[in-house]
């Protein structure tokens, strides 16, 4: 059975938060939640990968989602971030991620987005 890691936002990361840092926290959350999924895809192609390579793939996937929602990766608005989180949740569900794992991570990111001014 596939194991899913539950990621928790560090409250210290919410101090003085701006949308770019929030974007980076979303990437970290998605990386932690989907790391095994990305690793298995790479391994199915005959490649062993490092966490750095997986992080690069996750970051590129998030950049693509920003494009899909017509958002700005470099200067995201809060609405861009909300749209990206919804799309990432949808993609995760389509990959077979259990709904409780998706909801847990969405709740963590809601804390992040709620800290934005």
N, C-alpha and C. Protein backbone atom coordinates (compact mmCIF):
# COMPACT_ATOMS: atom_id res chain seq x y z
N UNK A 1 0.84 -1.19 0.00
CA UNK A 1 0.00 0.00 0.00
C UNK A 1 0.88 1.24 0.00
N UNK A 2 0.50 2.21 -0.79
CA UNK A 2 1.25 3.45 -0.90
C UNK A 2 1.11 4.27 0.38
N UNK A 3 2.22 4.84 0.84
CA UNK A 3 2.19 5.67 2.03
C UNK A 3 2.19 7.13 1.62
N UNK A 4 1.38 7.90 2.31
CA UNK A 4 1.29 9.34 2.06
C UNK A 4 1.75 10.07 3.31
N UNK A 5 2.58 11.06 3.10
CA UNK A 5 3.10 11.85 4.21
C UNK A 5 2.19 13.05 4.43
N UNK A 6 1.90 13.32 5.67
CA UNK A 6 1.13 14.51 6.02
C UNK A 6 2.11 15.63 6.39
N UNK A 7 2.01 16.71 5.66
CA UNK A 7 2.87 17.87 5.87
C UNK A 7 2.11 18.88 6.71
N UNK A 8 2.84 19.56 7.61
CA UNK A 8 2.24 20.60 8.45
C UNK A 8 3.02 21.90 8.26
N UNK A 9 2.29 22.98 8.11
CA UNK A 9 2.93 24.28 7.96
C UNK A 9 3.58 24.67 9.29
N UNK A 10 4.75 25.26 9.19
CA UNK A 10 5.46 25.78 10.36
C UNK A 10 4.93 27.19 10.62
N UNK A 11 4.39 27.42 11.79
CA UNK A 11 3.79 28.71 12.12
C UNK A 11 4.79 29.86 11.92
N UNK A 12 6.08 29.60 12.10
CA UNK A 12 7.10 30.64 11.90
C UNK A 12 7.12 31.12 10.45
N UNK A 13 6.74 30.25 9.51
CA UNK A 13 6.75 30.61 8.10
C UNK A 13 5.63 31.59 7.75
N UNK A 14 4.68 31.78 8.65
CA UNK A 14 3.54 32.65 8.37
C UNK A 14 3.80 34.10 8.77
N UNK A 15 4.88 34.34 9.48
CA UNK A 15 5.21 35.69 9.93
C UNK A 15 5.73 36.50 8.75
N UNK A 16 5.11 37.65 8.50
CA UNK A 16 5.54 38.53 7.41
C UNK A 16 5.38 37.90 6.04
N UNK A 17 4.41 37.05 5.90
CA UNK A 17 4.22 36.29 4.67
C UNK A 17 3.78 37.19 3.50
N UNK A 18 4.38 36.94 2.33
CA UNK A 18 3.91 37.58 1.10
C UNK A 18 3.54 36.47 0.11
N UNK A 19 3.00 36.86 -1.04
CA UNK A 19 2.50 35.85 -1.97
C UNK A 19 3.61 34.98 -2.56
N UNK A 20 4.79 35.51 -2.74
CA UNK A 20 5.89 34.69 -3.26
C UNK A 20 6.30 33.61 -2.27
N UNK A 21 6.40 34.00 -1.01
CA UNK A 21 6.72 32.99 0.01
C UNK A 21 5.59 31.99 0.15
N UNK A 22 4.35 32.46 0.03
CA UNK A 22 3.21 31.53 0.08
C UNK A 22 3.30 30.55 -1.07
N UNK A 23 3.66 31.03 -2.26
CA UNK A 23 3.84 30.13 -3.42
C UNK A 23 4.89 29.08 -3.11
N UNK A 24 5.99 29.48 -2.52
CA UNK A 24 7.06 28.53 -2.20
C UNK A 24 6.62 27.52 -1.14
N UNK A 25 5.78 27.95 -0.21
CA UNK A 25 5.25 27.02 0.79
C UNK A 25 4.31 26.02 0.12
N UNK A 26 3.52 26.48 -0.85
CA UNK A 26 2.64 25.57 -1.59
C UNK A 26 3.47 24.53 -2.33
N UNK A 27 4.57 24.96 -2.93
CA UNK A 27 5.46 24.01 -3.61
C UNK A 27 5.99 22.98 -2.62
N UNK A 28 6.42 23.45 -1.45
CA UNK A 28 6.95 22.54 -0.43
C UNK A 28 5.87 21.55 0.01
N UNK A 29 4.67 22.03 0.23
CA UNK A 29 3.55 21.17 0.63
C UNK A 29 3.28 20.12 -0.45
N UNK A 30 3.20 20.56 -1.69
CA UNK A 30 2.91 19.63 -2.79
C UNK A 30 4.04 18.62 -2.95
N UNK A 31 5.27 19.07 -2.77
CA UNK A 31 6.43 18.18 -2.82
C UNK A 31 6.30 17.09 -1.75
N UNK A 32 6.04 17.50 -0.53
CA UNK A 32 5.96 16.53 0.57
C UNK A 32 4.79 15.57 0.38
N UNK A 33 3.67 16.09 -0.11
CA UNK A 33 2.48 15.25 -0.27
C UNK A 33 2.58 14.31 -1.46
N UNK A 34 3.29 14.72 -2.51
CA UNK A 34 3.32 13.94 -3.75
C UNK A 34 4.70 13.40 -4.10
N UNK A 35 5.64 13.51 -3.19
CA UNK A 35 7.01 13.08 -3.46
C UNK A 35 7.07 11.62 -3.94
N UNK A 36 6.36 10.76 -3.26
CA UNK A 36 6.40 9.34 -3.64
C UNK A 36 5.77 9.13 -5.02
N UNK A 37 4.71 9.84 -5.31
CA UNK A 37 4.07 9.73 -6.63
C UNK A 37 5.05 10.09 -7.73
N UNK A 38 5.73 11.22 -7.59
CA UNK A 38 6.69 11.66 -8.60
C UNK A 38 7.87 10.69 -8.68
N UNK A 39 8.33 10.20 -7.54
CA UNK A 39 9.45 9.25 -7.53
C UNK A 39 9.07 7.96 -8.26
N UNK A 40 7.87 7.47 -8.02
CA UNK A 40 7.44 6.23 -8.67
C UNK A 40 7.33 6.39 -10.18
N UNK A 41 6.87 7.53 -10.62
CA UNK A 41 6.79 7.77 -12.07
C UNK A 41 8.19 7.74 -12.67
N UNK A 42 9.12 8.43 -12.04
CA UNK A 42 10.51 8.44 -12.55
C UNK A 42 11.10 7.04 -12.53
N UNK A 43 10.86 6.31 -11.44
CA UNK A 43 11.41 4.96 -11.32
C UNK A 43 10.80 4.02 -12.35
N UNK A 44 9.52 4.24 -12.68
CA UNK A 44 8.89 3.40 -13.71
C UNK A 44 9.53 3.61 -15.07
N UNK A 45 10.20 4.75 -15.23
CA UNK A 45 10.94 5.04 -16.46
C UNK A 45 12.39 4.57 -16.37
N UNK A 46 12.69 3.84 -15.29
CA UNK A 46 14.03 3.29 -15.13
C UNK A 46 15.04 4.24 -14.52
N UNK A 47 14.58 5.25 -13.81
CA UNK A 47 15.48 6.24 -13.22
C UNK A 47 15.34 6.28 -11.72
N UNK A 48 16.45 6.28 -11.04
CA UNK A 48 16.47 6.58 -9.62
C UNK A 48 16.66 8.09 -9.53
N UNK A 49 15.93 8.73 -8.65
CA UNK A 49 15.99 10.18 -8.58
C UNK A 49 16.25 10.65 -7.16
N UNK A 50 16.85 11.81 -7.07
CA UNK A 50 17.10 12.43 -5.79
C UNK A 50 15.93 13.34 -5.42
N UNK A 51 15.89 13.74 -4.16
CA UNK A 51 14.87 14.68 -3.73
C UNK A 51 14.96 15.99 -4.51
N UNK A 52 16.18 16.41 -4.84
CA UNK A 52 16.35 17.65 -5.61
C UNK A 52 15.71 17.54 -7.00
N UNK A 53 15.86 16.38 -7.63
CA UNK A 53 15.25 16.18 -8.94
C UNK A 53 13.72 16.14 -8.83
N UNK A 54 13.24 15.52 -7.77
CA UNK A 54 11.78 15.47 -7.57
C UNK A 54 11.26 16.88 -7.30
N UNK A 55 11.97 17.65 -6.48
CA UNK A 55 11.56 19.03 -6.21
C UNK A 55 11.52 19.85 -7.49
N UNK A 56 12.48 19.64 -8.37
CA UNK A 56 12.48 20.35 -9.65
C UNK A 56 11.25 19.96 -10.48
N UNK A 57 10.92 18.68 -10.50
CA UNK A 57 9.73 18.23 -11.23
C UNK A 57 8.46 18.81 -10.63
N UNK A 58 8.38 18.82 -9.31
CA UNK A 58 7.22 19.38 -8.63
C UNK A 58 7.10 20.88 -8.93
N UNK A 59 8.21 21.59 -8.85
CA UNK A 59 8.20 23.03 -9.14
C UNK A 59 7.73 23.28 -10.57
N UNK A 60 8.22 22.48 -11.52
CA UNK A 60 7.78 22.64 -12.91
C UNK A 60 6.30 22.32 -13.06
N UNK A 61 5.81 21.33 -12.33
CA UNK A 61 4.38 21.00 -12.37
C UNK A 61 3.55 22.16 -11.83
N UNK A 62 4.02 22.79 -10.76
CA UNK A 62 3.31 23.93 -10.18
C UNK A 62 3.34 25.11 -11.16
N UNK A 63 4.48 25.34 -11.80
CA UNK A 63 4.55 26.41 -12.80
C UNK A 63 3.53 26.17 -13.92
N UNK A 64 3.41 24.94 -14.35
CA UNK A 64 2.44 24.60 -15.39
C UNK A 64 1.01 24.89 -14.93
N UNK A 65 0.72 24.58 -13.67
CA UNK A 65 -0.62 24.85 -13.14
C UNK A 65 -0.88 26.36 -13.10
N UNK A 66 0.12 27.16 -12.76
CA UNK A 66 -0.06 28.61 -12.82
C UNK A 66 -0.47 29.04 -14.23
N UNK A 67 0.17 28.46 -15.24
CA UNK A 67 -0.20 28.77 -16.62
C UNK A 67 -1.63 28.34 -16.92
N UNK A 68 -1.99 27.14 -16.44
CA UNK A 68 -3.33 26.61 -16.69
C UNK A 68 -4.42 27.51 -16.11
N UNK A 69 -4.14 28.16 -14.98
CA UNK A 69 -5.14 29.02 -14.35
C UNK A 69 -4.94 30.49 -14.71
N UNK A 70 -4.06 30.74 -15.70
CA UNK A 70 -3.75 32.10 -16.14
C UNK A 70 -3.24 32.98 -14.99
N UNK A 71 -2.44 32.38 -14.12
CA UNK A 71 -1.86 33.10 -13.00
C UNK A 71 -0.40 33.41 -13.24
N UNK A 72 0.15 34.23 -12.40
CA UNK A 72 1.55 34.61 -12.48
C UNK A 72 2.36 33.83 -11.45
N UNK A 73 3.31 33.02 -11.93
CA UNK A 73 4.18 32.29 -11.02
C UNK A 73 5.13 33.27 -10.33
N UNK A 74 5.66 34.22 -11.08
CA UNK A 74 6.66 35.15 -10.52
C UNK A 74 6.06 36.15 -9.54
N UNK A 75 4.87 36.64 -9.82
CA UNK A 75 4.20 37.62 -8.95
C UNK A 75 2.75 37.18 -8.72
N UNK A 76 2.56 36.11 -7.97
CA UNK A 76 1.20 35.58 -7.82
C UNK A 76 0.32 36.47 -6.95
N UNK A 77 -0.93 36.54 -7.31
CA UNK A 77 -1.92 37.18 -6.44
C UNK A 77 -2.46 36.11 -5.50
N UNK A 78 -3.18 36.54 -4.49
CA UNK A 78 -3.80 35.57 -3.59
C UNK A 78 -4.79 34.71 -4.37
N UNK A 79 -5.51 35.31 -5.32
CA UNK A 79 -6.46 34.54 -6.12
C UNK A 79 -5.74 33.52 -6.98
N UNK A 80 -4.57 33.90 -7.56
CA UNK A 80 -3.77 32.93 -8.31
C UNK A 80 -3.45 31.72 -7.44
N UNK A 81 -3.04 31.98 -6.21
CA UNK A 81 -2.66 30.91 -5.30
C UNK A 81 -3.85 30.01 -4.97
N UNK A 82 -5.00 30.63 -4.73
CA UNK A 82 -6.21 29.85 -4.46
C UNK A 82 -6.55 28.96 -5.65
N UNK A 83 -6.47 29.52 -6.86
CA UNK A 83 -6.78 28.75 -8.06
C UNK A 83 -5.80 27.59 -8.25
N UNK A 84 -4.53 27.85 -7.99
CA UNK A 84 -3.50 26.82 -8.13
C UNK A 84 -3.74 25.68 -7.13
N UNK A 85 -4.06 26.03 -5.90
CA UNK A 85 -4.30 25.00 -4.88
C UNK A 85 -5.48 24.12 -5.28
N UNK A 86 -6.54 24.71 -5.80
CA UNK A 86 -7.69 23.92 -6.24
C UNK A 86 -7.31 22.98 -7.39
N UNK A 87 -6.53 23.49 -8.34
CA UNK A 87 -6.12 22.66 -9.48
C UNK A 87 -5.18 21.55 -9.03
N UNK A 88 -4.25 21.86 -8.11
CA UNK A 88 -3.35 20.82 -7.60
C UNK A 88 -4.13 19.74 -6.86
N UNK A 89 -5.14 20.13 -6.11
CA UNK A 89 -5.98 19.14 -5.40
C UNK A 89 -6.68 18.24 -6.40
N UNK A 90 -7.18 18.83 -7.47
CA UNK A 90 -7.86 18.06 -8.51
C UNK A 90 -6.90 17.07 -9.18
N UNK A 91 -5.71 17.54 -9.48
CA UNK A 91 -4.71 16.66 -10.10
C UNK A 91 -4.33 15.52 -9.15
N UNK A 92 -4.15 15.85 -7.88
CA UNK A 92 -3.79 14.84 -6.89
C UNK A 92 -4.86 13.75 -6.82
N UNK A 93 -6.11 14.17 -6.84
CA UNK A 93 -7.22 13.20 -6.81
C UNK A 93 -7.17 12.30 -8.04
N UNK A 94 -6.86 12.89 -9.19
CA UNK A 94 -6.81 12.09 -10.42
C UNK A 94 -5.66 11.09 -10.41
N UNK A 95 -4.64 11.35 -9.59
CA UNK A 95 -3.50 10.44 -9.47
C UNK A 95 -3.75 9.37 -8.41
N UNK A 96 -4.91 9.42 -7.75
CA UNK A 96 -5.25 8.42 -6.75
C UNK A 96 -4.90 8.78 -5.32
N UNK A 97 -4.54 10.03 -5.09
CA UNK A 97 -4.26 10.45 -3.72
C UNK A 97 -5.57 10.41 -2.93
N UNK A 98 -5.57 9.78 -1.76
CA UNK A 98 -6.80 9.70 -0.96
C UNK A 98 -7.33 11.09 -0.59
N UNK A 99 -8.65 11.20 -0.56
CA UNK A 99 -9.29 12.49 -0.29
C UNK A 99 -8.89 13.07 1.06
N UNK A 100 -8.70 12.22 2.09
CA UNK A 100 -8.32 12.75 3.40
C UNK A 100 -6.93 13.39 3.36
N UNK A 101 -6.04 12.87 2.54
CA UNK A 101 -4.71 13.46 2.39
C UNK A 101 -4.82 14.80 1.67
N UNK A 102 -5.62 14.85 0.64
CA UNK A 102 -5.84 16.11 -0.10
C UNK A 102 -6.43 17.16 0.83
N UNK A 103 -7.45 16.80 1.56
CA UNK A 103 -8.11 17.76 2.46
C UNK A 103 -7.17 18.23 3.57
N UNK A 104 -6.36 17.32 4.10
CA UNK A 104 -5.39 17.72 5.12
C UNK A 104 -4.47 18.81 4.59
N UNK A 105 -3.92 18.60 3.40
CA UNK A 105 -2.97 19.57 2.85
C UNK A 105 -3.66 20.86 2.43
N UNK A 106 -4.88 20.77 1.93
CA UNK A 106 -5.62 21.99 1.63
C UNK A 106 -5.85 22.81 2.91
N UNK A 107 -6.13 22.14 4.01
CA UNK A 107 -6.32 22.83 5.28
C UNK A 107 -5.04 23.54 5.71
N UNK A 108 -3.91 22.89 5.52
CA UNK A 108 -2.63 23.51 5.86
C UNK A 108 -2.39 24.76 5.00
N UNK A 109 -2.69 24.65 3.72
CA UNK A 109 -2.48 25.78 2.81
C UNK A 109 -3.49 26.90 3.09
N UNK A 110 -4.68 26.55 3.54
CA UNK A 110 -5.65 27.59 3.94
C UNK A 110 -5.08 28.44 5.07
N UNK A 111 -4.32 27.83 5.98
CA UNK A 111 -3.65 28.58 7.05
C UNK A 111 -2.66 29.56 6.43
N UNK A 112 -1.94 29.09 5.42
CA UNK A 112 -0.95 29.95 4.75
C UNK A 112 -1.66 31.12 4.07
N UNK A 113 -2.66 30.81 3.28
CA UNK A 113 -3.36 31.86 2.53
C UNK A 113 -4.11 32.80 3.47
N UNK A 114 -4.58 32.29 4.59
CA UNK A 114 -5.25 33.14 5.57
C UNK A 114 -4.30 34.12 6.25
N UNK A 115 -3.02 33.80 6.23
CA UNK A 115 -2.02 34.69 6.84
C UNK A 115 -1.59 35.82 5.90
N UNK A 116 -1.99 35.73 4.64
CA UNK A 116 -1.64 36.80 3.69
C UNK A 116 -2.49 38.03 3.99
N UNK A 117 -1.90 39.18 3.80
CA UNK A 117 -2.63 40.44 4.03
C UNK A 117 -3.22 40.92 2.74
